[in-house]
Amino acid sequence: MPDAALQGAGATGIHGHTMLEQQGEIEIGFLLVQGFPLVCLSSALDALRHANGYAQAPRYRHRTYALGGGLVEASNRLEIQVGADIGDGDPAILFVCAGSEFPAAEAHHPKVQAWLRRMASRGVPLGGISAGSHILAKAGLLDGYRCALHWYDAGVFRETFPDIDVTDQLFCIDRDRLTCSGGAATIDMMLRIIDDDLGGRVASKTAEMMQVERVRSTVDRQASASLYKAKARSAPLAKAIETMEGNLDQPVSMIELSQTIGLTRRQLHRLFRQYTGETPTDFYRDMRLRHARALLHGTPAKIIDVAAATGFGSHSHFTKVYRERFGISPLKDRHSDL
């Protein structure tokens, strides 16, 4: 996996924490909250299962938990019989898996909060999958950490926890907190954990078995995370973004963009700052760079052709801005695929 890219993004691994210090088989716990996304749980469990098959000896076992034990209904209405009530196990790492419609009374129950805090006090790495990050934050366990969660929940999260640093990355590993936007990104996070724990060979074989063409890292952002929010809140901003999307190979100037949506350059700048936190120039460049990265990993096109297709006039300039954004050169990034 592209460690240089991960370091460039300021990511940290979980080396030295409880999970990776233990020898032999370890338990990965999943606290399931009513309405949890089943795809997240199944993705994580399949990754662990395949990793066990490629390891020298089985490394992972899993246990599911829920408040009161019993049956938990996933978001697709499938009922799951969990393995234990909260507090009845001793996981080496614990993930909270919740969907956007989680019941606050259950997720914020004092018994749930106390268990999570007890796990943290013992040095157990804690993870939040999809809206699971919200539950960790409610327990005060994300204070001072960066975290990821699904873009759909990010707006409410930021308003509820304004002091917590939220990223639109697919997943984020910050010391002993592992948070994830959910869906297919759950696989990416689990592969990163497997890589840290068992090495690149096992992670690569696991990815192959799961038909993962490219393992995304913490420098990858959620698809349209900022676009969805911006388009829903501002019609002029939506038009500006759509214009950018339609002109990735021949970028329009900020003057042209302003004229297209009927604003002054100052108004355009203010609009992007308000809704995306970036200048329109930076937003546009980042959009083109993410498209360039997709082309590098998804096509055999030469790097100079990828640069041209995303509006960068020279190979050297493209390489410079690409390295600044992703922490790795285009050539090395292309060859970093599993």
Protein backbone atom coordinates (compact mmCIF):
# COMPACT_ATOMS: atom_id res chain seq x y z
CA MET A 1 0.00 0.00 0.00
CA PRO A 2 1.18 3.58 -0.65
CA ASP A 3 2.72 4.42 2.70
CA ALA A 4 4.22 7.62 1.30
CA ALA A 5 0.78 8.84 0.37
CA LEU A 6 -0.56 7.97 3.79
CA GLN A 7 2.24 9.83 5.51
CA GLY A 8 1.70 12.79 3.24
CA ALA A 9 -1.88 12.99 4.39
CA GLY A 10 -0.84 13.07 8.02
CA ALA A 11 -2.29 9.64 8.72
CA THR A 12 -1.04 7.51 11.55
CA GLY A 13 -1.18 3.79 11.95
CA ILE A 14 -2.06 1.70 14.99
CA HIS A 15 1.36 0.17 15.53
CA GLY A 16 2.16 -0.03 19.23
CA HIS A 17 -1.46 -0.22 20.33
CA THR A 18 -3.22 -3.08 22.07
CA MET A 19 -4.41 -4.90 18.99
CA LEU A 20 -1.05 -5.22 17.27
CA GLU A 21 0.83 -6.05 20.47
CA GLN A 22 -1.16 -9.22 21.15
CA GLN A 23 0.12 -12.56 19.93
CA GLY A 24 -2.05 -15.32 18.50
CA GLU A 25 -5.73 -14.99 17.77
CA ILE A 26 -7.48 -11.75 18.68
CA GLU A 27 -11.10 -10.71 18.88
CA ILE A 28 -12.49 -7.91 16.72
CA GLY A 29 -15.71 -6.63 18.27
CA PHE A 30 -18.61 -4.95 16.50
CA LEU A 31 -21.19 -3.05 18.51
CA LEU A 32 -24.30 -3.11 16.33
CA VAL A 33 -26.86 -0.36 16.76
CA GLN A 34 -30.41 -0.83 15.49
CA GLY A 35 -30.54 0.17 11.81
CA PHE A 36 -26.84 -0.45 11.19
CA PRO A 37 -25.71 -0.84 7.53
CA LEU A 38 -25.38 -4.57 6.89
CA VAL A 39 -22.93 -3.99 4.01
CA CYS A 40 -20.43 -2.50 6.47
CA LEU A 41 -20.52 -5.49 8.79
CA SER A 42 -20.36 -8.07 6.01
CA SER A 43 -17.49 -6.23 4.29
CA ALA A 44 -15.45 -6.14 7.47
CA LEU A 45 -16.10 -9.78 8.34
CA ASP A 46 -15.27 -11.02 4.85
CA ALA A 47 -11.98 -9.11 4.87
CA LEU A 48 -11.04 -10.69 8.20
CA ARG A 49 -12.09 -14.14 6.97
CA HIS A 50 -9.94 -13.95 3.85
CA ALA A 51 -7.00 -12.59 5.85
CA ASN A 52 -7.20 -15.59 8.16
CA GLY A 53 -6.98 -17.85 5.15
CA TYR A 54 -3.74 -16.24 3.97
CA ALA A 55 -2.11 -15.81 7.37
CA GLN A 56 0.27 -18.44 8.76
CA ALA A 57 -2.31 -19.13 11.46
CA PRO A 58 -5.83 -17.76 12.04
CA ARG A 59 -5.40 -14.28 13.43
CA TYR A 60 -8.91 -12.86 13.78
CA ARG A 61 -12.14 -13.96 15.36
CA HIS A 62 -15.12 -11.67 15.67
CA ARG A 63 -17.99 -11.12 18.07
CA THR A 64 -21.04 -8.94 17.64
CA TYR A 65 -22.48 -6.98 20.55
CA ALA A 66 -25.67 -5.07 21.22
CA LEU A 67 -27.32 -3.37 24.15
CA GLY A 68 -29.17 -6.21 25.88
CA GLY A 69 -27.96 -8.78 23.34
CA GLY A 70 -30.58 -10.56 21.27
CA LEU A 71 -31.70 -9.53 17.79
CA VAL A 72 -30.60 -6.36 16.01
CA GLU A 73 -32.32 -5.21 12.84
CA ALA A 74 -30.11 -3.89 10.05
CA SER A 75 -31.14 -0.98 7.85
CA ASN A 76 -32.43 -3.44 5.23
CA ARG A 77 -34.66 -5.08 7.89
CA LEU A 78 -32.57 -8.25 8.15
CA GLU A 79 -32.35 -9.37 11.76
CA ILE A 80 -29.01 -10.43 13.22
CA GLN A 81 -28.58 -12.49 16.39
CA VAL A 82 -25.63 -10.88 18.16
CA GLY A 83 -23.10 -12.87 20.12
CA ALA A 84 -23.16 -10.98 23.41
CA ASP A 85 -24.52 -8.14 25.47
CA ILE A 86 -22.20 -5.17 25.81
CA GLY A 87 -19.63 -5.67 28.54
CA ASP A 88 -19.59 -9.44 28.16
CA GLY A 89 -16.48 -9.68 25.98
CA ASP A 90 -12.87 -8.58 25.79
CA PRO A 91 -12.22 -7.36 22.24
CA ALA A 92 -8.76 -6.30 21.10
CA ILE A 93 -10.41 -3.62 18.99
CA LEU A 94 -14.02 -2.46 19.01
CA PHE A 95 -16.00 -0.91 16.17
CA VAL A 96 -19.32 0.87 16.59
CA CYS A 97 -21.45 0.26 13.51
CA ALA A 98 -24.47 2.52 13.08
CA GLY A 99 -26.55 4.01 10.29
CA SER A 100 -27.94 7.50 9.90
CA GLU A 101 -31.25 6.61 11.53
CA PHE A 102 -29.80 5.19 14.73
CA PRO A 103 -32.09 5.43 17.80
CA ALA A 104 -30.54 8.02 20.09
CA ALA A 105 -31.98 6.43 23.22
CA GLU A 106 -30.11 3.20 22.51
CA ALA A 107 -26.90 4.62 21.08
CA HIS A 108 -26.53 7.17 23.88
CA HIS A 109 -27.64 4.82 26.65
CA PRO A 110 -25.50 5.27 29.79
CA LYS A 111 -24.52 1.59 29.70
CA VAL A 112 -23.26 1.96 26.12
CA GLN A 113 -21.38 5.13 26.92
CA ALA A 114 -19.82 3.62 30.05
CA TRP A 115 -18.66 0.51 28.18
CA LEU A 116 -17.04 2.53 25.41
CA ARG A 117 -15.28 4.74 27.92
CA ARG A 118 -14.08 1.69 29.84
CA MET A 119 -12.67 0.17 26.65
CA ALA A 120 -10.87 3.45 25.92
CA SER A 121 -9.42 3.64 29.44
CA ARG A 122 -7.93 0.16 28.92
CA GLY A 123 -6.22 1.28 25.72
CA VAL A 124 -8.49 -0.66 23.36
CA PRO A 125 -8.51 0.99 19.90
CA LEU A 126 -12.03 2.18 19.07
CA GLY A 127 -13.57 2.52 15.65
CA GLY A 128 -16.64 4.18 14.22
CA ILE A 129 -18.19 2.90 11.01
CA SER A 130 -20.59 5.23 9.14
CA ALA A 131 -22.58 7.03 11.87
CA GLY A 132 -20.71 5.09 14.55
CA SER A 133 -18.39 8.08 14.83
CA HIS A 134 -21.33 10.09 16.19
CA ILE A 135 -21.74 7.64 19.06
CA LEU A 136 -18.03 7.73 19.92
CA ALA A 137 -18.15 11.52 19.87
CA LYS A 138 -21.16 11.55 22.18
CA ALA A 139 -19.11 9.55 24.67
CA GLY A 140 -16.32 12.13 24.44
CA LEU A 141 -13.99 9.65 22.79
CA LEU A 142 -13.16 11.65 19.67
CA ASP A 143 -12.03 14.80 21.44
CA GLY A 144 -8.62 15.72 20.03
CA TYR A 145 -8.91 13.24 17.16
CA ARG A 146 -9.64 13.56 13.46
CA CYS A 147 -12.51 11.42 12.26
CA ALA A 148 -14.38 10.31 9.17
CA LEU A 149 -18.05 9.52 8.77
CA HIS A 150 -20.52 9.33 5.92
CA TRP A 151 -20.97 12.65 4.09
CA TYR A 152 -24.73 12.46 4.67
CA ASP A 153 -24.18 12.74 8.43
CA ALA A 154 -21.29 15.20 8.37
CA GLY A 155 -23.35 18.40 8.48
CA VAL A 156 -25.29 17.41 11.59
CA PHE A 157 -22.12 16.05 13.17
CA ARG A 158 -20.23 19.32 12.68
CA GLU A 159 -23.07 21.30 14.23
CA THR A 160 -23.32 18.90 17.18
CA PHE A 161 -19.58 18.56 17.76
CA PRO A 162 -18.03 21.79 16.40
CA ASP A 163 -14.67 21.19 18.10
CA ILE A 164 -14.02 17.79 16.48
CA ASP A 165 -11.99 17.80 13.27
CA VAL A 166 -14.09 16.06 10.59
CA THR A 167 -12.47 14.93 7.35
CA ASP A 168 -14.21 13.93 4.12
CA GLN A 169 -11.70 11.11 3.66
CA LEU A 170 -13.01 7.59 3.09
CA PHE A 171 -11.47 6.51 6.37
CA CYS A 172 -9.18 8.01 8.95
CA ILE A 173 -6.75 6.30 11.33
CA ASP A 174 -5.63 8.71 14.00
CA ARG A 175 -3.60 6.88 16.64
CA ASP A 176 -6.06 4.52 18.38
CA ARG A 177 -9.19 5.82 16.68
CA LEU A 178 -10.25 4.28 13.39
CA THR A 179 -13.23 5.89 11.70
CA CYS A 180 -14.80 5.18 8.35
CA SER A 181 -17.47 6.62 6.05
CA GLY A 182 -19.06 3.20 5.63
CA GLY A 183 -20.11 1.25 2.56
CA ALA A 184 -17.25 0.04 0.38
CA ALA A 185 -14.82 2.21 2.35
CA THR A 186 -15.13 -0.33 5.17
CA ILE A 187 -13.13 -2.75 3.02
CA ASP A 188 -10.40 -0.14 2.48
CA MET A 189 -10.07 0.47 6.20
CA MET A 190 -9.97 -3.23 7.05
CA LEU A 191 -7.30 -3.84 4.40
CA ARG A 192 -5.21 -1.08 5.95
CA ILE A 193 -5.56 -2.72 9.38
CA ILE A 194 -4.63 -6.11 7.93
CA ASP A 195 -1.63 -4.55 6.18
CA ASP A 196 -0.44 -2.96 9.43
CA ASP A 197 -0.94 -6.19 11.33
CA LEU A 198 -0.06 -9.03 8.94
CA GLY A 199 1.79 -7.27 6.14
CA GLY A 200 1.24 -6.36 2.52
CA ARG A 201 1.17 -9.90 1.14
CA VAL A 202 -1.85 -10.92 3.21
CA ALA A 203 -3.59 -7.61 2.52
CA SER A 204 -2.94 -7.97 -1.21
CA LYS A 205 -4.29 -11.51 -1.33
CA THR A 206 -7.34 -10.44 0.65
CA ALA A 207 -7.98 -7.59 -1.77
CA GLU A 208 -7.71 -9.95 -4.73
CA MET A 209 -10.24 -12.35 -3.26
CA MET A 210 -12.65 -9.49 -2.63
CA GLN A 211 -12.30 -8.23 -6.22
CA VAL A 212 -10.83 -4.94 -5.06
CA GLU A 213 -9.02 -3.45 -8.05
CA ARG A 214 -7.39 -0.63 -6.10
CA VAL A 215 -7.04 -0.21 -2.38
CA ARG A 216 -7.92 3.35 -1.56
CA SER A 217 -6.01 5.12 1.17
CA THR A 218 -6.61 7.98 3.57
CA VAL A 219 -5.77 10.51 0.85
CA ASP A 220 -8.89 9.44 -1.06
CA ARG A 221 -11.97 11.48 -0.37
CA GLN A 222 -15.56 10.37 -0.33
CA ALA A 223 -17.21 10.52 -3.72
CA SER A 224 -18.88 13.91 -4.05
CA ALA A 225 -18.87 14.47 -0.31
CA SER A 226 -18.59 18.23 -0.70
CA LEU A 227 -20.47 18.29 -3.99
CA TYR A 228 -23.66 16.76 -2.63
CA LYS A 229 -23.85 19.24 0.22
CA ALA A 230 -22.99 22.25 -1.92
CA LYS A 231 -25.40 21.41 -4.73
CA ALA A 232 -28.25 20.93 -2.28
CA ARG A 233 -27.71 24.29 -0.59
CA SER A 234 -26.92 26.71 -3.41
CA ALA A 235 -28.13 26.77 -7.02
CA PRO A 236 -25.31 29.10 -8.22
CA LEU A 237 -22.74 26.88 -6.58
CA ALA A 238 -24.30 23.83 -8.21
CA LYS A 239 -24.00 25.50 -11.60
CA ALA A 240 -20.38 26.44 -10.94
CA ILE A 241 -19.49 22.90 -9.90
CA GLU A 242 -21.24 21.41 -12.93
CA THR A 243 -19.29 23.79 -15.16
CA MET A 244 -16.06 22.65 -13.53
CA GLU A 245 -17.00 19.00 -13.94
CA GLY A 246 -17.63 19.57 -17.63
CA ASN A 247 -14.28 21.29 -18.17
CA LEU A 248 -11.66 19.15 -16.49
CA ASP A 249 -9.40 18.92 -19.54
CA GLN A 250 -9.60 22.61 -20.45
CA PRO A 251 -10.20 24.50 -17.22
CA VAL A 252 -12.19 27.67 -17.46
CA SER A 253 -10.83 30.81 -15.82
CA MET A 254 -12.41 32.25 -12.70
CA ILE A 255 -13.56 35.21 -14.79
CA GLU A 256 -15.35 32.90 -17.23
CA LEU A 257 -16.82 30.87 -14.40
CA SER A 258 -18.12 33.99 -12.67
CA GLN A 259 -19.75 35.19 -15.88
CA THR A 260 -21.33 31.78 -16.49
CA ILE A 261 -23.19 31.81 -13.19
CA GLY A 262 -23.86 35.55 -13.13
CA LEU A 263 -21.68 36.53 -10.17
CA THR A 264 -18.67 38.73 -9.65
CA ARG A 265 -15.33 37.07 -8.87
CA ARG A 266 -15.61 38.31 -5.29
CA GLN A 267 -19.07 36.78 -4.95
CA LEU A 268 -17.83 33.51 -6.46
CA HIS A 269 -14.95 33.39 -3.98
CA ARG A 270 -17.29 34.08 -1.07
CA LEU A 271 -19.72 31.42 -2.27
CA PHE A 272 -17.10 28.68 -2.35
CA ARG A 273 -15.61 29.73 0.95
CA GLN A 274 -19.01 29.59 2.60
CA TYR A 275 -20.07 26.16 1.37
CA THR A 276 -16.82 24.25 0.74
CA GLY A 277 -14.24 25.98 2.91
CA GLU A 278 -11.98 26.36 -0.14
CA THR A 279 -11.36 28.97 -2.79
CA PRO A 280 -12.88 28.15 -6.19
CA THR A 281 -9.36 27.80 -7.62
CA ASP A 282 -8.32 25.27 -4.98
CA PHE A 283 -11.61 23.40 -5.28
CA TYR A 284 -11.26 23.14 -9.04
CA ARG A 285 -7.64 22.01 -8.88
CA ASP A 286 -8.48 19.34 -6.33
CA MET A 287 -11.32 18.07 -8.52
CA ARG A 288 -8.95 17.75 -11.47
CA LEU A 289 -6.30 16.01 -9.36
CA ARG A 290 -8.79 13.46 -8.07
CA HIS A 291 -9.87 12.79 -11.63
CA ALA A 292 -6.22 12.42 -12.63
CA ARG A 293 -5.70 9.88 -9.86
CA ALA A 294 -8.69 7.87 -11.05
CA LEU A 295 -7.26 7.87 -14.58
CA LEU A 296 -3.84 6.78 -13.34
CA HIS A 297 -5.28 3.81 -11.51
CA GLY A 298 -8.06 2.95 -13.89
CA THR A 299 -6.48 3.37 -17.34
CA PRO A 300 -3.15 2.59 -19.03
CA ALA A 301 -2.81 6.19 -20.28
CA LYS A 302 0.66 7.73 -20.12
CA ILE A 303 1.21 10.18 -17.29
CA ILE A 304 1.72 13.07 -19.71
CA ASP A 305 -1.62 12.20 -21.32
CA VAL A 306 -3.32 12.07 -17.93
CA ALA A 307 -1.86 15.50 -17.18
CA ALA A 308 -3.25 16.86 -20.46
CA ALA A 309 -6.64 15.23 -19.86
CA THR A 310 -6.96 17.04 -16.56
CA GLY A 311 -5.80 20.44 -17.70
CA PHE A 312 -2.18 20.49 -16.53
CA GLY A 313 0.07 21.99 -19.16
CA SER A 314 3.33 20.30 -18.28
CA HIS A 315 4.51 17.01 -16.83
CA SER A 316 6.67 18.75 -14.22
CA HIS A 317 3.88 21.01 -12.97
CA PHE A 318 1.47 18.09 -12.82
CA THR A 319 3.95 15.99 -10.84
CA LYS A 320 4.59 18.85 -8.42
CA VAL A 321 0.93 19.57 -7.58
CA TYR A 322 0.09 15.87 -7.54
CA ARG A 323 2.80 15.18 -4.95
CA GLU A 324 1.66 18.15 -2.87
CA ARG A 325 -1.91 16.81 -2.86
CA PHE A 326 -1.33 13.07 -2.42
CA GLY A 327 2.13 12.86 -0.88
CA ILE A 328 3.45 10.68 -3.71
CA SER A 329 4.44 11.18 -7.34
CA PRO A 330 2.02 10.09 -10.11
CA LEU A 331 4.41 7.37 -11.25
CA LYS A 332 4.90 5.90 -7.78
CA ASP A 333 1.19 6.15 -7.04
CA ARG A 334 0.34 4.19 -10.18
CA HIS A 335 2.73 1.41 -9.15
CA SER A 336 1.50 1.34 -5.57
CA ASP A 337 -1.62 -0.67 -6.46
CA LEU A 338 -1.94 -4.04 -4.83
